[in-house]
C-alpha atoms as a PDB file:
ATOM      1  CA  MET A   1     -51.049  36.923  22.817  1.00  0.00           C
ATOM      2  CA  ARG A   2     -47.995  38.760  21.858  1.00  0.00           C
ATOM      3  CA  VAL A   3     -46.211  37.809  24.955  1.00  0.00           C
ATOM      4  CA  LYS A   4     -47.115  34.130  24.527  1.00  0.00           C
ATOM      5  CA  LYS A   5     -45.882  34.259  20.830  1.00  0.00           C
ATOM      6  CA  LEU A   6     -42.656  35.861  21.990  1.00  0.00           C
ATOM      7  CA  LEU A   7     -42.167  33.147  24.637  1.00  0.00           C
ATOM      8  CA  VAL A   8     -42.720  30.361  22.029  1.00  0.00           C
ATOM      9  CA  LEU A   9     -40.231  31.901  19.662  1.00  0.00           C
ATOM     10  CA  CYS A  10     -37.657  32.272  22.412  1.00  0.00           C
ATOM     11  CA  VAL A  11     -38.201  28.665  23.547  1.00  0.00           C
ATOM     12  CA  SER A  12     -37.872  27.573  19.956  1.00  0.00           C
ATOM     13  CA  ALA A  13     -34.631  29.498  19.423  1.00  0.00           C
ATOM     14  CA  VAL A  14     -33.191  28.046  22.586  1.00  0.00           C
ATOM     15  CA  LEU A  15     -34.157  24.513  21.511  1.00  0.00           C
ATOM     16  CA  ALA A  16     -32.766  25.028  18.104  1.00  0.00           C
ATOM     17  CA  GLY A  17     -29.601  26.309  19.559  1.00  0.00           C
ATOM     18  CA  SER A  18     -29.245  23.409  21.879  1.00  0.00           C
ATOM     19  CA  MET A  19     -29.899  20.976  18.967  1.00  0.00           C
ATOM     20  CA  LEU A  20     -27.250  22.680  16.879  1.00  0.00           C
ATOM     21  CA  LEU A  21     -24.721  22.634  19.774  1.00  0.00           C
ATOM     22  CA  ALA A  22     -25.579  18.874  20.212  1.00  0.00           C
ATOM     23  CA  GLY A  23     -25.150  18.357  16.543  1.00  0.00           C
ATOM     24  CA  CYS A  24     -21.740  20.061  16.605  1.00  0.00           C
ATOM     25  CA  SER A  25     -20.667  18.078  19.602  1.00  0.00           C
ATOM     26  CA  LYS A  26     -21.567  14.778  17.804  1.00  0.00           C
ATOM     27  CA  LYS A  27     -19.671  15.953  14.730  1.00  0.00           C
ATOM     28  CA  GLU A  28     -16.781  16.852  16.704  1.00  0.00           C
ATOM     29  CA  GLU A  29     -16.950  13.419  18.659  1.00  0.00           C
ATOM     30  CA  SER A  30     -16.905  11.666  15.305  1.00  0.00           C
ATOM     31  CA  LYS A  31     -13.600  13.399  14.535  1.00  0.00           C
ATOM     32  CA  THR A  32     -11.864  12.208  17.642  1.00  0.00           C
ATOM     33  CA  ASP A  33      -8.781  10.371  16.683  1.00  0.00           C
ATOM     34  CA  ASP A  34      -8.392   7.271  18.936  1.00  0.00           C
ATOM     35  CA  SER A  35      -6.397   5.330  16.292  1.00  0.00           C
ATOM     36  CA  LEU A  36      -3.303   4.857  18.424  1.00  0.00           C
ATOM     37  CA  GLN A  37      -5.151   4.023  21.612  1.00  0.00           C
ATOM     38  CA  TYR A  38      -7.249   1.493  19.540  1.00  0.00           C
ATOM     39  CA  VAL A  39      -4.205  -0.626  18.558  1.00  0.00           C
ATOM     40  CA  LYS A  40      -2.732  -0.132  22.216  1.00  0.00           C
ATOM     41  CA  ASP A  41      -6.017  -1.442  23.713  1.00  0.00           C
ATOM     42  CA  ASN A  42      -6.157  -4.387  21.319  1.00  0.00           C
ATOM     43  CA  LYS A  43      -2.478  -4.895  21.945  1.00  0.00           C
ATOM     44  CA  GLU A  44      -1.799  -5.470  18.282  1.00  0.00           C
ATOM     45  CA  LEU A  45      -1.545  -3.884  14.824  1.00  0.00           C
ATOM     46  CA  VAL A  46      -3.454  -5.740  12.084  1.00  0.00           C
ATOM     47  CA  LEU A  47      -1.325  -5.463   8.798  1.00  0.00           C
ATOM     48  CA  GLY A  48      -3.183  -6.082   5.586  1.00  0.00           C
ATOM     49  CA  LEU A  49      -1.060  -7.436   2.767  1.00  0.00           C
ATOM     50  CA  ASP A  50      -0.977  -9.225  -0.512  1.00  0.00           C
ATOM     51  CA  ALA A  51       1.043 -12.404   0.606  1.00  0.00           C
ATOM     52  CA  SER A  52       2.295 -12.912  -2.877  1.00  0.00           C
ATOM     53  CA  PHE A  53       4.532  -9.747  -3.182  1.00  0.00           C
ATOM     54  CA  PRO A  54       8.137 -10.709  -2.612  1.00  0.00           C
ATOM     55  CA  PRO A  55      10.389  -9.373  -1.358  1.00  0.00           C
ATOM     56  CA  MET A  56       8.093  -6.868   0.464  1.00  0.00           C
ATOM     57  CA  GLY A  57       5.800  -9.385   1.879  1.00  0.00           C
ATOM     58  CA  PHE A  58       5.109 -13.023   0.899  1.00  0.00           C
ATOM     59  CA  THR A  59       4.510 -16.537   1.962  1.00  0.00           C
ATOM     60  CA  ASP A  60       7.746 -18.814   1.934  1.00  0.00           C
ATOM     61  CA  LYS A  61       8.132 -22.495   1.498  1.00  0.00           C
ATOM     62  CA  ASP A  62       7.372 -23.162   5.181  1.00  0.00           C
ATOM     63  CA  GLN A  63       4.069 -21.161   4.838  1.00  0.00           C
ATOM     64  CA  ASN A  64       5.436 -18.249   6.917  1.00  0.00           C
ATOM     65  CA  ILE A  65       4.754 -14.634   5.834  1.00  0.00           C
ATOM     66  CA  VAL A  66       8.151 -12.956   5.414  1.00  0.00           C
ATOM     67  CA  GLY A  67       9.669  -9.982   3.653  1.00  0.00           C
ATOM     68  CA  PHE A  68      11.129  -6.484   3.940  1.00  0.00           C
ATOM     69  CA  ASP A  69       7.941  -4.752   4.940  1.00  0.00           C
ATOM     70  CA  ILE A  70       7.256  -7.593   7.474  1.00  0.00           C
ATOM     71  CA  ASP A  71      10.693  -7.135   9.113  1.00  0.00           C
ATOM     72  CA  LEU A  72      10.078  -3.343   9.255  1.00  0.00           C
ATOM     73  CA  ALA A  73       6.599  -3.794  10.816  1.00  0.00           C
ATOM     74  CA  LYS A  74       7.775  -6.266  13.402  1.00  0.00           C
ATOM     75  CA  GLU A  75      10.353  -3.830  14.597  1.00  0.00           C
ATOM     76  CA  VAL A  76       7.978  -1.017  14.699  1.00  0.00           C
ATOM     77  CA  THR A  77       5.343  -2.873  16.749  1.00  0.00           C
ATOM     78  CA  LYS A  78       8.073  -4.344  19.102  1.00  0.00           C
ATOM     79  CA  ARG A  79       9.082  -0.815  19.818  1.00  0.00           C
ATOM     80  CA  MET A  80       5.352   0.172  20.329  1.00  0.00           C
ATOM     81  CA  GLY A  81       4.945  -2.615  22.830  1.00  0.00           C
ATOM     82  CA  ILE A  82       2.217  -4.457  20.810  1.00  0.00           C
ATOM     83  CA  LYS A  83       1.971  -7.558  18.644  1.00  0.00           C
ATOM     84  CA  LEU A  84       1.922  -7.650  14.813  1.00  0.00           C
ATOM     85  CA  LYS A  85      -0.875  -9.589  13.228  1.00  0.00           C
ATOM     86  CA  LEU A  86      -0.499 -10.357   9.506  1.00  0.00           C
ATOM     87  CA  GLN A  87      -3.734 -10.429   7.527  1.00  0.00           C
ATOM     88  CA  PRO A  88      -3.599 -11.545   3.838  1.00  0.00           C
ATOM     89  CA  ILE A  89      -6.232  -9.723   1.776  1.00  0.00           C
ATOM     90  CA  ASN A  90      -7.556  -9.376  -1.726  1.00  0.00           C
ATOM     91  CA  TRP A  91      -5.465  -6.520  -3.113  1.00  0.00           C
ATOM     92  CA  ASP A  92      -8.289  -5.299  -5.201  1.00  0.00           C
ATOM     93  CA  SER A  93     -10.442  -4.836  -2.067  1.00  0.00           C
ATOM     94  CA  LYS A  94      -7.854  -3.292   0.258  1.00  0.00           C
ATOM     95  CA  ASP A  95      -9.836   0.056   0.552  1.00  0.00           C
ATOM     96  CA  GLN A  96     -12.875  -1.827   1.859  1.00  0.00           C
ATOM     97  CA  GLU A  97     -10.785  -3.962   4.286  1.00  0.00           C
ATOM     98  CA  LEU A  98      -9.274  -0.798   5.703  1.00  0.00           C
ATOM     99  CA  GLU A  99     -12.499   1.093   6.130  1.00  0.00           C
ATOM    100  CA  GLY A 100     -14.266  -2.158   7.536  1.00  0.00           C
ATOM    101  CA  LYS A 101     -11.619  -2.163  10.255  1.00  0.00           C
ATOM    102  CA  THR A 102     -10.643  -5.815   9.568  1.00  0.00           C
ATOM    103  CA  ILE A 103      -7.075  -4.291   9.121  1.00  0.00           C
ATOM    104  CA  ASP A 104      -5.405  -1.302  10.793  1.00  0.00           C
ATOM    105  CA  CYS A 105      -2.965  -0.414   7.816  1.00  0.00           C
ATOM    106  CA  ILE A 106      -1.834  -1.571   4.439  1.00  0.00           C
ATOM    107  CA  TRP A 107       1.896  -2.138   4.435  1.00  0.00           C
ATOM    108  CA  ASN A 108       3.023  -4.194   1.532  1.00  0.00           C
ATOM    109  CA  GLY A 109       4.763  -2.222  -1.296  1.00  0.00           C
ATOM    110  CA  LEU A 110       1.861   0.213  -1.411  1.00  0.00           C
ATOM    111  CA  THR A 111       2.510   2.920  -4.025  1.00  0.00           C
ATOM    112  CA  TYR A 112       1.392   6.533  -3.310  1.00  0.00           C
ATOM    113  CA  SER A 113      -1.128   7.985  -5.778  1.00  0.00           C
ATOM    114  CA  GLU A 114      -3.400  11.048  -5.712  1.00  0.00           C
ATOM    115  CA  ASP A 115      -6.367   8.698  -6.116  1.00  0.00           C
ATOM    116  CA  ARG A 116      -5.293   6.542  -3.149  1.00  0.00           C
ATOM    117  CA  ALA A 117      -4.585   9.739  -1.146  1.00  0.00           C
ATOM    118  CA  LYS A 118      -8.290  10.431  -1.352  1.00  0.00           C
ATOM    119  CA  GLU A 119      -9.286   7.128  -0.019  1.00  0.00           C
ATOM    120  CA  MET A 120      -6.713   6.573   2.641  1.00  0.00           C
ATOM    121  CA  LEU A 121      -4.228   8.414   4.813  1.00  0.00           C
ATOM    122  CA  CYS A 122      -0.758   7.913   3.414  1.00  0.00           C
ATOM    123  CA  SER A 123       2.460   7.857   5.346  1.00  0.00           C
ATOM    124  CA  ALA A 124       5.778   9.575   4.279  1.00  0.00           C
ATOM    125  CA  SER A 125       7.474   7.643   1.671  1.00  0.00           C
ATOM    126  CA  TYR A 126      10.038   5.101   2.881  1.00  0.00           C
ATOM    127  CA  MET A 127      11.277   3.723  -0.515  1.00  0.00           C
ATOM    128  CA  ASP A 128      11.342   4.651  -4.092  1.00  0.00           C
ATOM    129  CA  ASN A 129      10.148   2.229  -6.790  1.00  0.00           C
ATOM    130  CA  HIS A 130       9.576   1.978 -10.595  1.00  0.00           C
ATOM    131  CA  GLN A 131       7.082   0.066 -12.713  1.00  0.00           C
ATOM    132  CA  VAL A 132       9.194  -1.996 -15.243  1.00  0.00           C
ATOM    133  CA  LEU A 133       8.743  -4.312 -18.143  1.00  0.00           C
ATOM    134  CA  LEU A 134       9.641  -7.902 -17.505  1.00  0.00           C
ATOM    135  CA  VAL A 135      10.022 -10.443 -20.220  1.00  0.00           C
ATOM    136  CA  PRO A 136      11.318 -13.953 -20.685  1.00  0.00           C
ATOM    137  CA  GLU A 137      15.196 -14.171 -21.108  1.00  0.00           C
ATOM    138  CA  LYS A 138      14.991 -15.320 -24.727  1.00  0.00           C
ATOM    139  CA  SER A 139      12.246 -12.776 -25.702  1.00  0.00           C
ATOM    140  CA  LYS A 140      12.534 -10.660 -28.898  1.00  0.00           C
ATOM    141  CA  ILE A 141      11.079  -7.724 -27.028  1.00  0.00           C
ATOM    142  CA  LYS A 142      13.864  -5.288 -26.323  1.00  0.00           C
ATOM    143  CA  SER A 143      11.852  -2.110 -25.400  1.00  0.00           C
ATOM    144  CA  LEU A 144       8.355  -0.735 -24.973  1.00  0.00           C
ATOM    145  CA  LYS A 145       8.301   0.120 -28.663  1.00  0.00           C
ATOM    146  CA  ASP A 146       8.593  -3.526 -29.652  1.00  0.00           C
ATOM    147  CA  ILE A 147       5.228  -4.313 -27.976  1.00  0.00           C
ATOM    148  CA  LYS A 148       2.420  -4.204 -30.497  1.00  0.00           C
ATOM    149  CA  LYS A 149      -0.445  -6.693 -29.844  1.00  0.00           C
ATOM    150  CA  GLN A 150       1.295  -8.961 -27.504  1.00  0.00           C
ATOM    151  CA  GLN A 151      -0.243 -10.080 -24.245  1.00  0.00           C
ATOM    152  CA  VAL A 152       0.963  -8.135 -21.130  1.00  0.00           C
ATOM    153  CA  GLY A 153       0.239  -9.265 -17.702  1.00  0.00           C
ATOM    154  CA  VAL A 154      -0.577  -6.964 -14.840  1.00  0.00           C
ATOM    155  CA  GLN A 155      -2.071  -7.242 -11.307  1.00  0.00           C
ATOM    156  CA  LYS A 156      -5.547  -5.988 -10.943  1.00  0.00           C
ATOM    157  CA  GLY A 157      -6.054  -3.007  -8.730  1.00  0.00           C
ATOM    158  CA  SER A 158      -2.325  -2.112  -8.759  1.00  0.00           C
ATOM    159  CA  THR A 159      -0.400   1.013  -9.683  1.00  0.00           C
ATOM    160  CA  ALA A 160       1.174  -1.301 -12.390  1.00  0.00           C
ATOM    161  CA  ALA A 161      -2.239  -1.368 -13.864  1.00  0.00           C
ATOM    162  CA  ASP A 162      -2.438   2.446 -13.609  1.00  0.00           C
ATOM    163  CA  ALA A 163       0.935   2.867 -15.371  1.00  0.00           C
ATOM    164  CA  VAL A 164      -0.215   0.563 -18.216  1.00  0.00           C
ATOM    165  CA  ASP A 165      -3.232   2.710 -18.795  1.00  0.00           C
ATOM    166  CA  LYS A 166      -1.086   5.828 -19.087  1.00  0.00           C
ATOM    167  CA  THR A 167       1.572   4.322 -21.288  1.00  0.00           C
ATOM    168  CA  LYS A 168       0.943   5.093 -24.970  1.00  0.00           C
ATOM    169  CA  GLU A 169       3.351   2.280 -26.236  1.00  0.00           C
ATOM    170  CA  LEU A 170       0.953  -0.318 -24.705  1.00  0.00           C
ATOM    171  CA  LYS A 171      -2.264   1.022 -26.107  1.00  0.00           C
ATOM    172  CA  ASN A 172      -2.469  -1.709 -28.783  1.00  0.00           C
ATOM    173  CA  ALA A 173      -1.253  -4.486 -26.418  1.00  0.00           C
ATOM    174  CA  LYS A 174      -3.678  -7.079 -25.015  1.00  0.00           C
ATOM    175  CA  ILE A 175      -3.797  -6.401 -21.321  1.00  0.00           C
ATOM    176  CA  VAL A 176      -4.353  -9.489 -19.096  1.00  0.00           C
ATOM    177  CA  TYR A 177      -5.194  -9.027 -15.466  1.00  0.00           C
ATOM    178  CA  PHE A 178      -4.215 -11.335 -12.645  1.00  0.00           C
ATOM    179  CA  GLY A 179      -4.884 -11.562  -8.988  1.00  0.00           C
ATOM    180  CA  ASN A 180      -1.173 -11.269  -8.006  1.00  0.00           C
ATOM    181  CA  ASN A 181       2.432 -11.214  -9.383  1.00  0.00           C
ATOM    182  CA  VAL A 182       3.102 -14.844  -8.725  1.00  0.00           C
ATOM    183  CA  GLU A 183       0.216 -15.859 -11.237  1.00  0.00           C
ATOM    184  CA  ILE A 184       1.643 -13.311 -13.779  1.00  0.00           C
ATOM    185  CA  LEU A 185       5.150 -14.852 -13.594  1.00  0.00           C
ATOM    186  CA  ASN A 186       3.723 -18.463 -13.885  1.00  0.00           C
ATOM    187  CA  ASP A 187       2.052 -17.329 -17.094  1.00  0.00           C
ATOM    188  CA  LEU A 188       4.931 -15.370 -18.456  1.00  0.00           C
ATOM    189  CA  GLY A 189       6.269 -17.128 -21.460  1.00  0.00           C
ATOM    190  CA  ASN A 190       3.399 -19.587 -21.405  1.00  0.00           C
ATOM    191  CA  GLY A 191       0.704 -17.050 -22.413  1.00  0.00           C
ATOM    192  CA  CYS A 192       1.813 -13.600 -21.561  1.00  0.00           C
ATOM    193  CA  ASP A 193       4.666 -12.125 -23.630  1.00  0.00           C
ATOM    194  CA  ALA A 194       5.502  -9.547 -21.054  1.00  0.00           C
ATOM    195  CA  ALA A 195       4.582  -8.271 -17.576  1.00  0.00           C
ATOM    196  CA  VAL A 196       4.497  -4.981 -15.944  1.00  0.00           C
ATOM    197  CA  MET A 197       5.310  -4.922 -12.078  1.00  0.00           C
ATOM    198  CA  ASP A 198       7.263  -3.161  -9.427  1.00  0.00           C
ATOM    199  CA  GLU A 199      10.998  -3.185  -9.986  1.00  0.00           C
ATOM    200  CA  VAL A 200      11.666  -4.719  -6.572  1.00  0.00           C
ATOM    201  CA  VAL A 201       9.463  -7.719  -7.368  1.00  0.00           C
ATOM    202  CA  ALA A 202      10.919  -8.069 -10.860  1.00  0.00           C
ATOM    203  CA  LYS A 203      14.410  -7.829  -9.549  1.00  0.00           C
ATOM    204  CA  TYR A 204      13.728 -10.479  -6.851  1.00  0.00           C
ATOM    205  CA  TYR A 205      12.438 -12.878  -9.330  1.00  0.00           C
ATOM    206  CA  ALA A 206      15.215 -12.365 -11.971  1.00  0.00           C
ATOM    207  CA  LYS A 207      17.760 -13.034  -9.280  1.00  0.00           C
ATOM    208  CA  LYS A 208      15.927 -16.000  -7.929  1.00  0.00           C
ATOM    209  CA  ASP A 209      15.658 -17.710 -11.247  1.00  0.00           C
ATOM    210  CA  PRO A 210      18.808 -16.643 -13.238  1.00  0.00           C
ATOM    211  CA  GLY A 211      18.389 -16.913 -16.957  1.00  0.00           C
ATOM    212  CA  LYS A 212      14.596 -17.140 -16.825  1.00  0.00           C
ATOM    213  CA  PHE A 213      13.636 -13.438 -16.919  1.00  0.00           C
ATOM    214  CA  LYS A 214      15.142 -10.123 -17.900  1.00  0.00           C
ATOM    215  CA  ILE A 215      14.102  -6.485 -16.975  1.00  0.00           C
ATOM    216  CA  LEU A 216      14.088  -3.975 -19.749  1.00  0.00           C
ATOM    217  CA  ASN A 217      15.682  -0.580 -19.334  1.00  0.00           C
ATOM    218  CA  ASP A 218      12.336   1.274 -19.862  1.00  0.00           C
ATOM    219  CA  ASN A 219      10.701   2.543 -16.701  1.00  0.00           C
ATOM    220  CA  LEU A 220       6.952   3.231 -17.090  1.00  0.00           C
ATOM    221  CA  THR A 221       6.779   5.306 -13.934  1.00  0.00           C
ATOM    222  CA  THR A 222       8.610   6.256 -10.795  1.00  0.00           C
ATOM    223  CA  GLU A 223       6.802   5.803  -7.652  1.00  0.00           C
ATOM    224  CA  LYS A 224       7.115   6.070  -3.855  1.00  0.00           C
ATOM    225  CA  TYR A 225       6.131   3.327  -1.283  1.00  0.00           C
ATOM    226  CA  VAL A 226       3.979   4.437   1.608  1.00  0.00           C
ATOM    227  CA  ILE A 227       1.886   2.772   4.476  1.00  0.00           C
ATOM    228  CA  GLY A 228      -1.926   3.236   4.118  1.00  0.00           C
ATOM    229  CA  PHE A 229      -4.014   4.023   7.158  1.00  0.00           C
ATOM    230  CA  ARG A 230      -7.807   5.083   7.535  1.00  0.00           C
ATOM    231  CA  THR A 231      -8.273   8.703   6.693  1.00  0.00           C
ATOM    232  CA  GLY A 232      -8.763   9.820  10.416  1.00  0.00           C
ATOM    233  CA  ASP A 233      -6.122   7.843  11.922  1.00  0.00           C
ATOM    234  CA  LYS A 234      -3.341  10.551  12.110  1.00  0.00           C
ATOM    235  CA  LYS A 235      -2.081   9.527  15.584  1.00  0.00           C
ATOM    236  CA  LEU A 236      -1.383   6.035  14.531  1.00  0.00           C
ATOM    237  CA  LYS A 237       0.241   7.174  11.285  1.00  0.00           C
ATOM    238  CA  THR A 238       2.458   9.618  13.249  1.00  0.00           C
ATOM    239  CA  GLU A 239       3.535   6.976  15.709  1.00  0.00           C
ATOM    240  CA  VAL A 240       4.599   4.483  13.120  1.00  0.00           C
ATOM    241  CA  GLU A 241       6.476   7.259  11.174  1.00  0.00           C
ATOM    242  CA  ASN A 242       8.306   8.236  14.315  1.00  0.00           C
ATOM    243  CA  GLN A 243       9.299   4.708  15.027  1.00  0.00           C
ATOM    244  CA  LEU A 244      10.635   4.444  11.493  1.00  0.00           C
ATOM    245  CA  LYS A 245      12.627   7.674  11.939  1.00  0.00           C
ATOM    246  CA  ASP A 246      14.234   6.325  15.086  1.00  0.00           C
ATOM    247  CA  MET A 247      15.073   3.007  13.154  1.00  0.00           C
ATOM    248  CA  LYS A 248      16.743   5.194  10.589  1.00  0.00           C
ATOM    249  CA  LYS A 249      18.909   7.122  13.243  1.00  0.00           C
ATOM    250  CA  ASP A 250      20.096   3.979  14.983  1.00  0.00           C
ATOM    251  CA  GLY A 251      20.880   2.011  11.728  1.00  0.00           C
ATOM    252  CA  THR A 252      18.174  -0.616  12.051  1.00  0.00           C
ATOM    253  CA  LEU A 253      16.448   0.578   8.925  1.00  0.00           C
ATOM    254  CA  ALA A 254      19.545   0.218   6.880  1.00  0.00           C
ATOM    255  CA  LYS A 255      20.278  -3.186   8.373  1.00  0.00           C
ATOM    256  CA  ILE A 256      16.959  -4.600   7.370  1.00  0.00           C
ATOM    257  CA  SER A 257      17.228  -3.099   3.808  1.00  0.00           C
ATOM    258  CA  LYS A 258      20.723  -4.668   3.280  1.00  0.00           C
ATOM    259  CA  LYS A 259      19.381  -8.093   4.376  1.00  0.00           C
ATOM    260  CA  TRP A 260      16.767  -7.990   1.561  1.00  0.00           C
ATOM    261  CA  PHE A 261      18.330  -5.805  -1.106  1.00  0.00           C
ATOM    262  CA  GLY A 262      22.059  -5.773  -0.375  1.00  0.00           C
ATOM    263  CA  GLU A 263      22.071  -1.945   0.092  1.00  0.00           C
ATOM    264  CA  ASP A 264      20.117   0.698   1.928  1.00  0.00           C
ATOM    265  CA  LEU A 265      17.317   1.774  -0.338  1.00  0.00           C
ATOM    266  CA  THR A 266      15.218   3.582   2.281  1.00  0.00           C
ATOM    267  CA  THR A 267      14.293   7.158   2.074  1.00  0.00           C
ATOM    268  CA  ILE A 268      12.978   7.977   5.517  1.00  0.00           C
ATOM    269  CA  LYS A 269      14.701  11.117   6.811  1.00  0.00           C
END
């Protein structure tokens, strides 16, 4: 009987060990990073964006999606030997779009934050940005201190919204949330008294419509633009970063930046 019991215990131990090894194998398999091979097999990189975010990525009068980030991504994918597919998304649902694999990355003036870094894999920063206050040209608002109970427009799910939450001067303001910056600007002066948005967007519209808007000197926050990938997609992230570094070295990055901003604002090293 003792021998039988011993044999049963040994067999059980072996089976348990086998199951444990199998479990470990499956766990290791789940960590396999095939992200770069995945886009190569599909022969395209699907880029998720808010198509109303000029000058980074937006729809022009001919209904083509254009912008600084779009030009960067086109050059990167060209060098990778794959196509670029542009996929407009609801910015407030960008994390779900990424995890659901309907897109391969988010590349559209995406600002780094610690909360975002928990939800996605962020690339090295390629440009600095600020959150600024934009008002109608004839507005009596001269600084953040002038805002009391006025309406302030901000894009839902954006770091502009995060900046508003952290800015004490806006604690008594009426914050109005919009789907994108174009909606905010259409309402600015016709409902909203001010807007908080990315400096590059504010400058673009202020230049596009001279005498209509003005940017106040107050910066709510200083930020960094990154590209967002799925948390395990390190190989894809590294490949894109390497292509951007090569573009920095050969002057392509500066050329694209000067096209959209008149100067090289990129921070890739």
